[in-house]
Amino acid sequence: MRLRRFAPAVAGLGALLLAFAPAAAAPRTYTVVIDKMKFGPVPPNLHKGDVIIWANRDFLRHSATAADHSFNVDLMPGKASKMVLNKTGRIAFFCRYHPGMKGILEVR
């Protein structure tokens, strides 16, 4: 019976804690340009939920393919495609058509 007396205070404390909890950062959109047989700079500080636009400005077909098979973006010359980062960690990627083209996404 004594605990019921504190229920409103506990509920109020929970609401107060939620009000001051850090808000999750809104997803951001970044572009990685593929040109002259190279991936452009990979953005730092990537987070799960962020969007990457892969833009192929080269005259050849390219891909951005994760070594762990978590994504595969196929890009014809002059085209772009977007993807959402769905996992955290270091994700190595390469071009399926030109395996010497490589990079790493570091996602928090």
C-alpha atoms as a PDB file:
ATOM      1  CA  MET A   1       0.000   0.000   0.000  1.00  0.00           C
ATOM      2  CA  ARG A   2       2.795   2.413   0.782  1.00  0.00           C
ATOM      3  CA  LEU A   3       4.264   2.085  -2.731  1.00  0.00           C
ATOM      4  CA  ARG A   4       1.075   3.314  -4.395  1.00  0.00           C
ATOM      5  CA  ARG A   5       1.614   6.612  -2.686  1.00  0.00           C
ATOM      6  CA  PHE A   6       4.862   7.095  -4.661  1.00  0.00           C
ATOM      7  CA  ALA A   7       3.538   6.006  -8.081  1.00  0.00           C
ATOM      8  CA  PRO A   8       2.769   9.558  -9.309  1.00  0.00           C
ATOM      9  CA  ALA A   9       6.219  10.759  -8.244  1.00  0.00           C
ATOM     10  CA  VAL A  10       7.950   7.839 -10.011  1.00  0.00           C
ATOM     11  CA  ALA A  11       5.935   8.432 -13.183  1.00  0.00           C
ATOM     12  CA  GLY A  12       6.807  12.124 -13.083  1.00  0.00           C
ATOM     13  CA  LEU A  13      10.496  11.327 -12.619  1.00  0.00           C
ATOM     14  CA  GLY A  14      10.405   9.013 -15.661  1.00  0.00           C
ATOM     15  CA  ALA A  15       8.872  11.768 -17.800  1.00  0.00           C
ATOM     16  CA  LEU A  16      11.486  14.222 -16.567  1.00  0.00           C
ATOM     17  CA  LEU A  17      14.327  11.850 -17.464  1.00  0.00           C
ATOM     18  CA  LEU A  18      12.914  11.367 -20.964  1.00  0.00           C
ATOM     19  CA  ALA A  19      12.689  15.123 -21.442  1.00  0.00           C
ATOM     20  CA  PHE A  20      16.394  15.519 -20.730  1.00  0.00           C
ATOM     21  CA  ALA A  21      17.625  12.411 -22.601  1.00  0.00           C
ATOM     22  CA  PRO A  22      19.910  13.300 -25.492  1.00  0.00           C
ATOM     23  CA  ALA A  23      17.997  13.332 -28.759  1.00  0.00           C
ATOM     24  CA  ALA A  24      19.192  11.078 -31.530  1.00  0.00           C
ATOM     25  CA  ALA A  25      20.838  13.054 -34.289  1.00  0.00           C
ATOM     26  CA  ALA A  26      18.738  13.408 -37.423  1.00  0.00           C
ATOM     27  CA  PRO A  27      20.074  11.350 -40.327  1.00  0.00           C
ATOM     28  CA  ARG A  28      22.391  13.268 -42.628  1.00  0.00           C
ATOM     29  CA  THR A  29      22.956  12.851 -46.358  1.00  0.00           C
ATOM     30  CA  TYR A  30      26.452  12.616 -47.837  1.00  0.00           C
ATOM     31  CA  THR A  31      27.717  12.184 -51.390  1.00  0.00           C
ATOM     32  CA  VAL A  32      30.639  10.003 -52.478  1.00  0.00           C
ATOM     33  CA  VAL A  33      31.712  10.827 -56.026  1.00  0.00           C
ATOM     34  CA  ILE A  34      33.287   8.218 -58.273  1.00  0.00           C
ATOM     35  CA  ASP A  35      35.522   9.815 -60.898  1.00  0.00           C
ATOM     36  CA  LYS A  36      38.705   8.938 -62.786  1.00  0.00           C
ATOM     37  CA  MET A  37      38.593   5.334 -61.539  1.00  0.00           C
ATOM     38  CA  LYS A  38      38.575   6.395 -57.864  1.00  0.00           C
ATOM     39  CA  PHE A  39      36.124   6.743 -55.029  1.00  0.00           C
ATOM     40  CA  GLY A  40      36.134  10.297 -53.712  1.00  0.00           C
ATOM     41  CA  PRO A  41      36.669  11.060 -50.022  1.00  0.00           C
ATOM     42  CA  VAL A  42      34.469   9.116 -47.651  1.00  0.00           C
ATOM     43  CA  PRO A  43      32.704  11.327 -45.104  1.00  0.00           C
ATOM     44  CA  PRO A  44      33.884  11.068 -41.490  1.00  0.00           C
ATOM     45  CA  ASN A  45      31.488  10.693 -38.562  1.00  0.00           C
ATOM     46  CA  LEU A  46      28.936   8.504 -40.326  1.00  0.00           C
ATOM     47  CA  HIS A  47      26.066   7.183 -38.228  1.00  0.00           C
ATOM     48  CA  LYS A  48      23.595   4.378 -38.665  1.00  0.00           C
ATOM     49  CA  GLY A  49      20.596   5.835 -40.512  1.00  0.00           C
ATOM     50  CA  ASP A  50      22.650   8.338 -42.540  1.00  0.00           C
ATOM     51  CA  VAL A  51      22.196   8.344 -46.309  1.00  0.00           C
ATOM     52  CA  ILE A  52      25.010   8.037 -48.840  1.00  0.00           C
ATOM     53  CA  ILE A  53      24.490   9.143 -52.416  1.00  0.00           C
ATOM     54  CA  TRP A  54      26.936   7.342 -54.695  1.00  0.00           C
ATOM     55  CA  ALA A  55      27.471   9.502 -57.806  1.00  0.00           C
ATOM     56  CA  ASN A  56      29.278   8.010 -60.813  1.00  0.00           C
ATOM     57  CA  ARG A  57      30.845  10.882 -62.742  1.00  0.00           C
ATOM     58  CA  ASP A  58      33.133   8.527 -64.636  1.00  0.00           C
ATOM     59  CA  PHE A  59      32.622   7.258 -68.190  1.00  0.00           C
ATOM     60  CA  LEU A  60      32.687   3.616 -67.017  1.00  0.00           C
ATOM     61  CA  ARG A  61      30.209   1.503 -65.069  1.00  0.00           C
ATOM     62  CA  HIS A  62      31.108   1.152 -61.369  1.00  0.00           C
ATOM     63  CA  SER A  63      29.700  -0.339 -58.205  1.00  0.00           C
ATOM     64  CA  ALA A  64      30.005   0.293 -54.505  1.00  0.00           C
ATOM     65  CA  THR A  65      29.931  -3.226 -53.102  1.00  0.00           C
ATOM     66  CA  ALA A  66      30.406  -4.066 -49.422  1.00  0.00           C
ATOM     67  CA  ALA A  67      32.916  -6.834 -48.740  1.00  0.00           C
ATOM     68  CA  ASP A  68      30.478  -8.199 -46.116  1.00  0.00           C
ATOM     69  CA  HIS A  69      27.600  -8.166 -48.670  1.00  0.00           C
ATOM     70  CA  SER A  70      25.620  -5.602 -46.661  1.00  0.00           C
ATOM     71  CA  PHE A  71      25.144  -3.376 -49.739  1.00  0.00           C
ATOM     72  CA  ASN A  72      25.699  -3.381 -53.476  1.00  0.00           C
ATOM     73  CA  VAL A  73      25.083  -0.248 -55.520  1.00  0.00           C
ATOM     74  CA  ASP A  74      25.514  -0.614 -59.290  1.00  0.00           C
ATOM     75  CA  LEU A  75      26.021   2.629 -61.191  1.00  0.00           C
ATOM     76  CA  MET A  76      25.985   3.276 -64.897  1.00  0.00           C
ATOM     77  CA  PRO A  77      28.054   6.257 -66.142  1.00  0.00           C
ATOM     78  CA  GLY A  78      26.553   9.588 -65.091  1.00  0.00           C
ATOM     79  CA  LYS A  79      24.064   8.012 -62.672  1.00  0.00           C
ATOM     80  CA  ALA A  80      23.622   8.242 -58.908  1.00  0.00           C
ATOM     81  CA  SER A  81      21.932   6.090 -56.299  1.00  0.00           C
ATOM     82  CA  LYS A  82      21.267   6.494 -52.618  1.00  0.00           C
ATOM     83  CA  MET A  83      21.415   4.032 -49.759  1.00  0.00           C
ATOM     84  CA  VAL A  84      20.786   4.127 -46.026  1.00  0.00           C
ATOM     85  CA  LEU A  85      23.523   2.929 -43.662  1.00  0.00           C
ATOM     86  CA  ASN A  86      21.843   0.085 -41.795  1.00  0.00           C
ATOM     87  CA  LYS A  87      24.701  -1.190 -39.643  1.00  0.00           C
ATOM     88  CA  THR A  88      27.592   0.100 -37.578  1.00  0.00           C
ATOM     89  CA  GLY A  89      31.290  -0.696 -37.756  1.00  0.00           C
ATOM     90  CA  ARG A  90      34.033  -0.630 -40.368  1.00  0.00           C
ATOM     91  CA  ILE A  91      32.575  -1.601 -43.723  1.00  0.00           C
ATOM     92  CA  ALA A  92      35.100  -2.237 -46.478  1.00  0.00           C
ATOM     93  CA  PHE A  93      33.792  -1.665 -49.999  1.00  0.00           C
ATOM     94  CA  PHE A  94      35.105  -1.993 -53.549  1.00  0.00           C
ATOM     95  CA  CYS A  95      34.048  -1.741 -57.180  1.00  0.00           C
ATOM     96  CA  ARG A  96      32.959  -5.112 -58.567  1.00  0.00           C
ATOM     97  CA  TYR A  97      34.150  -4.111 -62.041  1.00  0.00           C
ATOM     98  CA  HIS A  98      37.459  -2.606 -60.933  1.00  0.00           C
ATOM     99  CA  PRO A  99      38.598  -4.423 -57.743  1.00  0.00           C
ATOM    100  CA  GLY A 100      41.517  -2.029 -57.238  1.00  0.00           C
ATOM    101  CA  MET A 101      39.004   0.687 -56.330  1.00  0.00           C
ATOM    102  CA  LYS A 102      38.487   0.371 -52.559  1.00  0.00           C
ATOM    103  CA  GLY A 103      37.369   2.281 -49.506  1.00  0.00           C
ATOM    104  CA  ILE A 104      36.110   1.944 -45.943  1.00  0.00           C
ATOM    105  CA  LEU A 105      33.022   3.409 -44.309  1.00  0.00           C
ATOM    106  CA  GLU A 106      33.272   3.875 -40.551  1.00  0.00           C
ATOM    107  CA  VAL A 107      29.755   3.936 -39.172  1.00  0.00           C
ATOM    108  CA  ARG A 108      28.938   4.623 -35.514  1.00  0.00           C
END
